Amino acid sequence: MTGRKGLIDEMEKSFQSLAAGRPVVWFHAASLGEFEQGRPVMEAYRNQYPGHFILLTFFSPSGYEIRKSYSGADYICYLPFDTLSNAKRFVEIVNPRIVFFIKYEFWFNYLIELKKNGSYILSFSSIFRPGQVFFKSYGGFFRRMLESFNHIFVQNAQSIELLHGAGIMSCSIAGDTRFDRVKTIADNARDLPEIALFRNEKICMVAGSVWAADMQVLIPVLNGSKGKLKAIIAPHEIKKDEISGWRNSLEGKSLLYSELDKTADTEQFDYLIIDNIGMLSSLYRYGDMAYIGGSFGAGLHNILEAATFGLPIIFGNKGYHRFQEAVDLKEKGGAIAVADSDSARSTINQWIENPGDRMGAGKVNEQYVLSGIGATDTIMDKVKETLG
């Protein structure tokens, strides 16, 4: 990958002069989702220790390319591949005082070198399940990675039980920092008058981070609800040919967000398709319900962003079980897992025809987010205890 080529050589020349003797704190996120999860801690750390130098690394281009100019960090780069040589050189250059790995990041060589370096290593917003390799009889290598952390902050009690059973005692429940992040997003959501004009006070669904498999379910429902429901559709990936196909399959009038400034009568359209990245979290404030994509494929996308605005939520019934918030909200009645267009249609029609049911489910979700706030403070208490 070109972003990693020559990176360590460049850091050897410039990093120490940029840090200028300041204590280095290193945050590592796999991708954009983990960055957003870790952002509350990064920003709290910056506020508490403004004289420290913040290094932010990404493994995935989808995180790095979008957040490479993030102003909350002093140096942003890819994480070099986890070889012994790379890890040794990288840790020697960076020499971090404290390191944060966000959620599922476990890199053997980096952890070993950081431990040798005397860095204080934290993992947060982690969640563990019985079937993971850490807890298998043959998982000794992987348990060694967990043993390298000075402390692991997890989301729930089951994770604590599993870690204790594996002999990992330096762990505690802090919850999920995404709750703190989405509350901040809701409090600072952008005013988008063009979206309000499109909605025109009609009942509106926001379909967030949708894939082709999600649209196969949604398009028949939307066609059957034409005139009763407007929809804002935000694809997970912007693919012009795919979006064009969706528009051809939708029986109502559709409009791209990039076309808004050329169209005066946006309120006459049934569907608004967002052909950019970065505004989804502010769109939920204009919805009455949300469909969150990904659960028919690799995994459910962030449902908390919709929940914090008090929207009832629908998602696919295939890949949501790994997400604690999805399981919780389904059990509480704020979210519905659907198998196909028929079950989605049933739920959506109920919410259209019974505003009390729709708003009641949304209130469940809003209260759930409020009850989960505070993980960042718990983590920062440990940082203060460690750094003084």
Protein backbone atom coordinates (compact mmCIF):
# COMPACT_ATOMS: atom_id res chain seq x y z
CA MET A 1 0.00 0.00 0.00
CA THR A 2 1.46 3.35 -1.07
CA GLY A 3 0.48 5.06 2.21
CA ARG A 4 2.83 2.73 4.11
CA LYS A 5 5.71 2.79 1.64
CA GLY A 6 8.69 4.57 3.17
CA LEU A 7 6.64 5.67 6.18
CA ILE A 8 9.02 4.45 8.89
CA ASP A 9 12.02 5.97 7.08
CA GLU A 10 10.22 9.30 6.93
CA MET A 11 9.24 9.10 10.59
CA GLU A 12 12.85 8.43 11.58
CA LYS A 13 13.79 11.75 9.97
CA SER A 14 10.95 13.94 11.22
CA PHE A 15 8.89 12.53 14.07
CA GLN A 16 11.10 13.41 17.03
CA SER A 17 11.59 17.00 15.88
CA LEU A 18 7.82 17.37 15.42
CA ALA A 19 7.12 15.97 18.88
CA ALA A 20 9.78 18.37 20.24
CA GLY A 21 10.25 16.50 23.48
CA ARG A 22 6.57 16.40 24.38
CA PRO A 23 5.14 13.18 25.88
CA VAL A 24 3.64 11.13 23.05
CA VAL A 25 0.20 9.52 23.34
CA TRP A 26 -0.72 7.06 20.59
CA PHE A 27 -4.27 6.24 19.52
CA HIS A 28 -4.82 3.43 17.02
CA ALA A 29 -8.06 2.82 15.11
CA ALA A 30 -8.66 0.14 12.52
CA SER A 31 -10.95 2.29 10.40
CA LEU A 32 -13.40 5.18 10.41
CA GLY A 33 -15.90 3.53 12.75
CA GLU A 34 -13.27 2.88 15.41
CA PHE A 35 -11.96 6.42 14.99
CA GLU A 36 -15.41 7.81 15.77
CA GLN A 37 -15.59 5.45 18.72
CA GLY A 38 -12.26 6.69 20.03
CA ARG A 39 -12.79 10.34 19.26
CA PRO A 40 -14.39 11.26 22.61
CA VAL A 41 -11.33 9.91 24.44
CA MET A 42 -8.91 11.67 22.10
CA GLU A 43 -10.69 14.97 22.60
CA ALA A 44 -10.94 14.51 26.36
CA TYR A 45 -7.24 13.65 26.45
CA ARG A 46 -6.39 16.77 24.45
CA ASN A 47 -8.38 18.91 26.87
CA GLN A 48 -6.77 17.32 29.93
CA TYR A 49 -3.19 17.18 28.57
CA PRO A 50 -2.84 19.97 25.97
CA GLY A 51 0.95 19.79 26.12
CA HIS A 52 1.12 16.17 24.95
CA PHE A 53 1.73 15.10 21.34
CA ILE A 54 -1.08 12.98 19.88
CA LEU A 55 -0.25 10.34 17.28
CA LEU A 56 -3.21 8.77 15.45
CA THR A 57 -2.77 5.68 13.27
CA PHE A 58 -5.16 3.79 11.03
CA PHE A 59 -4.96 0.35 9.50
CA SER A 60 -7.59 0.89 6.80
CA PRO A 61 -7.63 3.47 3.97
CA SER A 62 -11.33 4.10 4.66
CA GLY A 63 -10.33 5.64 7.97
CA TYR A 64 -7.09 7.31 7.00
CA GLU A 65 -8.28 8.95 3.79
CA ILE A 66 -11.31 10.53 5.44
CA ARG A 67 -9.62 11.62 8.68
CA LYS A 68 -6.03 12.31 7.63
CA SER A 69 -6.59 16.03 8.26
CA TYR A 70 -8.30 15.61 11.64
CA SER A 71 -7.25 18.61 13.73
CA GLY A 72 -7.40 16.77 17.05
CA ALA A 73 -4.15 14.87 16.39
CA ASP A 74 -0.64 16.15 15.79
CA TYR A 75 0.53 13.36 13.48
CA ILE A 76 -1.70 11.00 11.47
CA CYS A 77 -0.46 8.01 9.47
CA TYR A 78 -1.05 4.39 8.60
CA LEU A 79 0.06 1.70 11.02
CA PRO A 80 2.97 -0.16 9.39
CA PHE A 81 2.34 -3.87 9.01
CA ASP A 82 2.80 -5.89 12.19
CA THR A 83 6.22 -7.39 11.56
CA LEU A 84 8.86 -7.65 14.27
CA SER A 85 11.13 -5.21 12.42
CA ASN A 86 8.39 -2.65 11.80
CA ALA A 87 7.10 -2.81 15.35
CA LYS A 88 10.56 -2.44 16.86
CA ARG A 89 11.47 0.57 14.71
CA PHE A 90 8.08 2.25 15.04
CA VAL A 91 7.98 1.98 18.83
CA GLU A 92 11.57 3.22 19.12
CA ILE A 93 10.73 6.27 17.01
CA VAL A 94 7.44 7.10 18.69
CA ASN A 95 8.37 6.08 22.25
CA PRO A 96 4.80 6.58 23.48
CA ARG A 97 4.08 7.15 27.14
CA ILE A 98 0.55 5.82 26.84
CA VAL A 99 -1.17 3.89 24.03
CA PHE A 100 -4.87 3.40 23.27
CA PHE A 101 -6.08 0.58 21.06
CA ILE A 102 -9.72 1.09 20.13
CA LYS A 103 -12.07 -1.90 20.35
CA TYR A 104 -10.74 -4.90 18.36
CA GLU A 105 -7.14 -3.97 17.66
CA PHE A 106 -4.67 -6.65 18.79
CA TRP A 107 -1.25 -6.62 17.10
CA PHE A 108 1.22 -9.09 18.59
CA ASN A 109 4.56 -7.52 17.68
CA TYR A 110 3.46 -4.01 18.54
CA LEU A 111 2.13 -5.12 21.91
CA ILE A 112 5.32 -6.96 22.77
CA GLU A 113 7.53 -4.03 21.75
CA LEU A 114 5.35 -1.54 23.63
CA LYS A 115 5.55 -3.65 26.74
CA LYS A 116 9.36 -3.78 26.44
CA ASN A 117 9.34 -0.01 25.97
CA GLY A 118 7.48 0.52 29.23
CA SER A 119 4.51 2.19 27.55
CA TYR A 120 1.19 2.05 29.39
CA ILE A 121 -1.19 0.14 27.09
CA LEU A 122 -4.98 0.50 27.21
CA SER A 123 -7.77 -1.08 25.21
CA PHE A 124 -11.25 0.41 25.38
CA SER A 125 -14.78 -0.24 24.11
CA SER A 126 -13.80 -3.89 23.67
CA ILE A 127 -16.38 -6.65 23.74
CA PHE A 128 -15.61 -10.37 23.94
CA ARG A 129 -17.65 -13.48 23.11
CA PRO A 130 -17.24 -17.14 24.12
CA GLY A 131 -16.42 -18.33 20.59
CA GLN A 132 -13.39 -16.10 20.14
CA VAL A 133 -9.97 -17.68 19.79
CA PHE A 134 -8.68 -16.02 23.00
CA PHE A 135 -10.80 -18.43 25.01
CA LYS A 136 -10.04 -21.66 23.15
CA SER A 137 -7.74 -24.33 24.53
CA TYR A 138 -5.31 -23.60 21.69
CA GLY A 139 -5.52 -19.81 22.14
CA GLY A 140 -2.39 -19.29 24.22
CA PHE A 141 -0.71 -17.12 21.59
CA PHE A 142 -3.72 -14.83 21.44
CA ARG A 143 -4.12 -14.69 25.22
CA ARG A 144 -0.53 -13.46 25.38
CA MET A 145 -1.66 -10.38 23.46
CA LEU A 146 -4.37 -9.70 26.04
CA GLU A 147 -1.81 -10.13 28.84
CA SER A 148 0.25 -7.32 27.31
CA PHE A 149 -2.37 -4.68 28.11
CA ASN A 150 -2.08 -2.81 31.36
CA HIS A 151 -5.85 -2.44 31.41
CA ILE A 152 -8.75 -3.47 29.17
CA PHE A 153 -12.01 -1.51 29.34
CA VAL A 154 -14.93 -3.60 28.09
CA GLN A 155 -18.57 -3.00 27.31
CA ASN A 156 -20.33 -5.66 29.38
CA ALA A 157 -20.19 -8.17 32.22
CA GLN A 158 -19.86 -11.21 29.93
CA SER A 159 -16.58 -9.81 28.63
CA ILE A 160 -15.27 -9.49 32.19
CA GLU A 161 -16.22 -13.09 32.97
CA LEU A 162 -14.46 -14.36 29.86
CA LEU A 163 -11.29 -12.37 30.56
CA HIS A 164 -11.19 -13.47 34.19
CA GLY A 165 -11.65 -17.07 33.07
CA ALA A 166 -8.62 -16.65 30.82
CA GLY A 167 -6.57 -15.23 33.68
CA ILE A 168 -6.81 -11.60 32.53
CA MET A 169 -7.62 -9.65 35.68
CA SER A 170 -6.66 -6.07 34.73
CA CYS A 171 -10.02 -5.26 33.19
CA SER A 172 -13.22 -3.43 34.05
CA ILE A 173 -16.50 -2.28 32.55
CA ALA A 174 -16.54 1.24 31.15
CA GLY A 175 -19.21 0.84 28.50
CA ASP A 176 -19.03 2.02 24.90
CA THR A 177 -17.56 5.42 24.08
CA ARG A 178 -19.80 5.62 21.02
CA PHE A 179 -22.62 6.68 23.35
CA ASP A 180 -20.60 9.74 24.30
CA ARG A 181 -19.77 10.41 20.67
CA VAL A 182 -23.31 10.19 19.31
CA LYS A 183 -24.63 12.40 22.11
CA THR A 184 -22.07 15.03 21.10
CA ILE A 185 -23.09 14.61 17.46
CA ALA A 186 -26.75 15.09 18.34
CA ASP A 187 -25.99 18.17 20.41
CA ASN A 188 -24.02 19.69 17.50
CA ALA A 189 -26.02 18.42 14.53
CA ARG A 190 -25.92 20.70 11.51
CA ASP A 191 -28.98 22.65 10.47
CA LEU A 192 -29.77 21.53 6.90
CA PRO A 193 -32.63 23.67 5.59
CA GLU A 194 -32.47 21.97 2.18
CA ILE A 195 -33.28 18.66 3.87
CA ALA A 196 -36.18 20.22 5.76
CA LEU A 197 -37.49 21.58 2.46
CA PHE A 198 -37.27 18.15 0.83
CA ARG A 199 -39.08 16.53 3.73
CA ASN A 200 -41.81 19.19 3.71
CA GLU A 201 -43.28 17.91 7.00
CA LYS A 202 -44.08 14.50 5.53
CA ILE A 203 -43.23 11.25 7.35
CA CYS A 204 -39.64 10.48 6.43
CA MET A 205 -37.34 7.48 6.73
CA VAL A 206 -33.56 7.87 6.79
CA ALA A 207 -31.89 4.79 5.28
CA GLY A 208 -28.30 5.03 6.52
CA SER A 209 -25.20 3.19 5.26
CA VAL A 210 -27.20 0.95 2.93
CA TRP A 211 -25.78 -1.68 0.60
CA ALA A 212 -27.31 -3.41 -2.43
CA ALA A 213 -28.76 -6.18 -0.22
CA ASP A 214 -30.52 -3.58 1.92
CA MET A 215 -32.00 -1.82 -1.09
CA GLN A 216 -33.32 -5.12 -2.43
CA VAL A 217 -35.43 -5.23 0.72
CA LEU A 218 -36.29 -1.52 0.83
CA ILE A 219 -37.17 -0.72 -2.78
CA PRO A 220 -40.39 -2.83 -2.88
CA VAL A 221 -41.42 -1.30 0.45
CA LEU A 222 -40.79 2.24 -0.73
CA ASN A 223 -42.64 1.61 -3.98
CA GLY A 224 -45.61 0.34 -2.01
CA SER A 225 -45.52 3.36 0.30
CA LYS A 226 -45.29 6.02 -2.41
CA GLY A 227 -47.12 9.12 -1.31
CA LYS A 228 -47.17 8.07 2.34
CA LEU A 229 -43.43 8.04 3.08
CA LYS A 230 -40.45 10.03 1.93
CA ALA A 231 -36.94 8.57 2.19
CA ILE A 232 -33.43 9.94 2.51
CA ILE A 233 -31.08 7.24 1.25
CA ALA A 234 -27.39 7.35 2.22
CA PRO A 235 -25.36 4.57 0.56
CA HIS A 236 -22.42 3.10 2.44
CA GLU A 237 -20.34 3.51 -0.71
CA ILE A 238 -20.93 6.03 -3.47
CA LYS A 239 -21.17 3.98 -6.67
CA LYS A 240 -22.79 5.91 -9.53
CA ASP A 241 -23.94 2.85 -11.49
CA GLU A 242 -25.46 1.24 -8.40
CA ILE A 243 -27.27 4.44 -7.41
CA SER A 244 -28.55 4.81 -10.97
CA GLY A 245 -29.97 1.29 -10.78
CA TRP A 246 -31.75 2.08 -7.53
CA ARG A 247 -33.27 5.21 -9.04
CA ASN A 248 -34.54 3.24 -12.03
CA SER A 249 -36.17 0.70 -9.69
CA LEU A 250 -37.88 3.29 -7.50
CA GLU A 251 -41.30 4.25 -8.83
CA GLY A 252 -41.33 7.69 -7.22
CA LYS A 253 -39.31 10.75 -8.14
CA SER A 254 -35.73 10.68 -6.88
CA LEU A 255 -33.11 13.39 -6.54
CA LEU A 256 -29.38 13.33 -5.79
CA TYR A 257 -28.13 15.60 -3.02
CA SER A 258 -25.61 17.07 -5.49
CA GLU A 259 -28.57 18.19 -7.64
CA LEU A 260 -30.33 20.10 -4.88
CA ASP A 261 -28.99 23.53 -5.81
CA LYS A 262 -30.33 23.07 -9.35
CA THR A 263 -33.85 22.14 -8.29
CA ALA A 264 -36.33 24.60 -6.83
CA ASP A 265 -39.19 22.22 -6.05
CA THR A 266 -37.36 19.61 -3.95
CA GLU A 267 -40.44 19.04 -1.81
CA GLN A 268 -42.07 17.38 -4.84
CA PHE A 269 -39.58 14.50 -4.79
CA ASP A 270 -40.14 11.20 -2.96
CA TYR A 271 -36.52 10.13 -2.47
CA LEU A 272 -33.32 12.04 -1.80
CA ILE A 273 -30.12 10.06 -2.38
CA ILE A 274 -27.01 11.32 -0.60
CA ASP A 275 -24.09 11.09 -3.03
CA ASN A 276 -21.39 12.22 -0.60
CA ILE A 277 -19.74 11.00 2.59
CA GLY A 278 -19.84 12.69 5.97
CA MET A 279 -23.29 14.16 6.53
CA LEU A 280 -25.31 11.09 7.58
CA SER A 281 -25.14 11.76 11.32
CA SER A 282 -26.83 15.15 10.84
CA LEU A 283 -29.55 13.72 8.59
CA TYR A 284 -31.18 11.62 11.30
CA ARG A 285 -32.62 14.72 12.97
CA TYR A 286 -34.92 15.04 9.92
CA GLY A 287 -36.26 11.50 10.11
CA ASP A 288 -39.21 9.82 11.77
CA MET A 289 -37.71 6.35 11.48
CA ALA A 290 -34.43 4.81 10.37
CA TYR A 291 -33.29 1.80 8.42
CA ILE A 292 -29.63 1.00 9.14
CA GLY A 293 -27.73 -1.04 6.58
CA GLY A 294 -25.07 -3.70 6.65
CA SER A 295 -26.77 -6.44 8.58
CA PHE A 296 -27.44 -8.55 5.48
CA GLY A 297 -23.71 -8.50 4.76
CA ALA A 298 -20.50 -7.89 6.70
CA GLY A 299 -22.13 -6.37 9.74
CA LEU A 300 -24.57 -3.77 11.00
CA HIS A 301 -23.49 -0.15 10.82
CA ASN A 302 -23.87 2.41 13.59
CA ILE A 303 -27.43 2.44 14.93
CA LEU A 304 -26.65 4.72 17.87
CA GLU A 305 -26.47 7.79 15.63
CA ALA A 306 -30.14 7.28 14.77
CA ALA A 307 -31.11 6.19 18.28
CA THR A 308 -29.79 9.38 19.88
CA PHE A 309 -32.30 11.39 17.82
CA GLY A 310 -35.15 9.24 19.10
CA LEU A 311 -35.82 7.33 15.87
CA PRO A 312 -37.24 3.80 15.87
CA ILE A 313 -34.88 1.54 13.93
CA ILE A 314 -35.07 -1.31 11.43
CA PHE A 315 -32.17 -3.49 10.33
CA GLY A 316 -31.60 -6.85 8.68
CA ASN A 317 -31.84 -10.01 10.75
CA LYS A 318 -28.55 -11.61 9.65
CA GLY A 319 -25.53 -9.81 11.10
CA TYR A 320 -26.70 -7.77 14.05
CA HIS A 321 -26.04 -10.24 16.88
CA ARG A 322 -22.43 -9.12 17.36
CA PHE A 323 -23.56 -5.62 18.28
CA GLN A 324 -24.65 -5.26 21.87
CA GLU A 325 -26.70 -2.12 21.24
CA ALA A 326 -28.66 -3.83 18.46
CA VAL A 327 -29.47 -6.80 20.69
CA ASP A 328 -30.45 -4.49 23.54
CA LEU A 329 -32.69 -2.23 21.48
CA LYS A 330 -34.38 -5.18 19.79
CA GLU A 331 -35.17 -6.64 23.21
CA LYS A 332 -36.45 -3.27 24.48
CA GLY A 333 -38.70 -2.72 21.47
CA GLY A 334 -36.87 0.25 19.98
CA ALA A 335 -35.52 -1.73 17.01
CA ILE A 336 -36.90 -4.41 14.71
CA ALA A 337 -34.86 -7.01 12.80
CA VAL A 338 -36.46 -7.82 9.44
CA ALA A 339 -35.87 -10.79 7.19
CA ASP A 340 -37.28 -9.48 3.91
CA SER A 341 -39.47 -6.87 2.24
CA ASP A 342 -42.67 -8.28 3.70
CA SER A 343 -41.53 -7.98 7.31
CA ALA A 344 -40.03 -4.55 6.65
CA ARG A 345 -43.29 -3.41 5.05
CA SER A 346 -45.30 -4.60 8.04
CA THR A 347 -43.16 -2.66 10.52
CA ILE A 348 -42.96 0.51 8.42
CA ASN A 349 -46.70 0.56 7.77
CA GLN A 350 -47.37 0.15 11.47
CA TRP A 351 -45.14 3.12 12.26
CA ILE A 352 -46.78 5.21 9.52
CA GLU A 353 -50.31 4.44 10.67
CA ASN A 354 -49.65 4.50 14.44
CA PRO A 355 -47.60 7.56 15.41
CA GLY A 356 -47.81 6.60 19.08
CA ASP A 357 -46.08 3.27 18.42
CA ARG A 358 -43.44 4.98 16.29
CA MET A 359 -42.67 7.69 18.84
CA GLY A 360 -42.76 5.22 21.73
CA ALA A 361 -40.13 3.02 20.10
CA GLY A 362 -38.05 6.10 19.35
CA LYS A 363 -38.22 7.22 22.97
CA VAL A 364 -36.87 3.83 24.06
CA ASN A 365 -33.85 4.39 21.83
CA GLU A 366 -33.24 7.94 22.99
CA GLN A 367 -33.32 6.90 26.64
CA TYR A 368 -31.00 3.97 25.92
CA VAL A 369 -28.35 6.32 24.55
CA LEU A 370 -28.68 8.66 27.51
CA SER A 371 -28.26 5.75 29.92
CA GLY A 372 -25.01 4.67 28.23
CA ILE A 373 -23.13 7.96 28.47
CA GLY A 374 -20.01 8.13 30.67
CA ALA A 375 -17.46 5.67 29.29
CA THR A 376 -15.04 8.46 28.38
CA ASP A 377 -14.98 9.79 31.94
CA THR A 378 -14.25 6.31 33.29
CA ILE A 379 -11.33 5.86 30.89
CA MET A 380 -9.93 9.30 31.63
CA ASP A 381 -10.05 8.56 35.36
CA LYS A 382 -7.65 5.67 34.69
CA VAL A 383 -5.44 7.95 32.59
CA LYS A 384 -5.27 10.51 35.39
CA GLU A 385 -4.44 7.76 37.86
CA THR A 386 -1.64 6.57 35.55
CA LEU A 387 -0.17 9.90 34.45
CA GLY A 388 -1.01 12.00 37.48
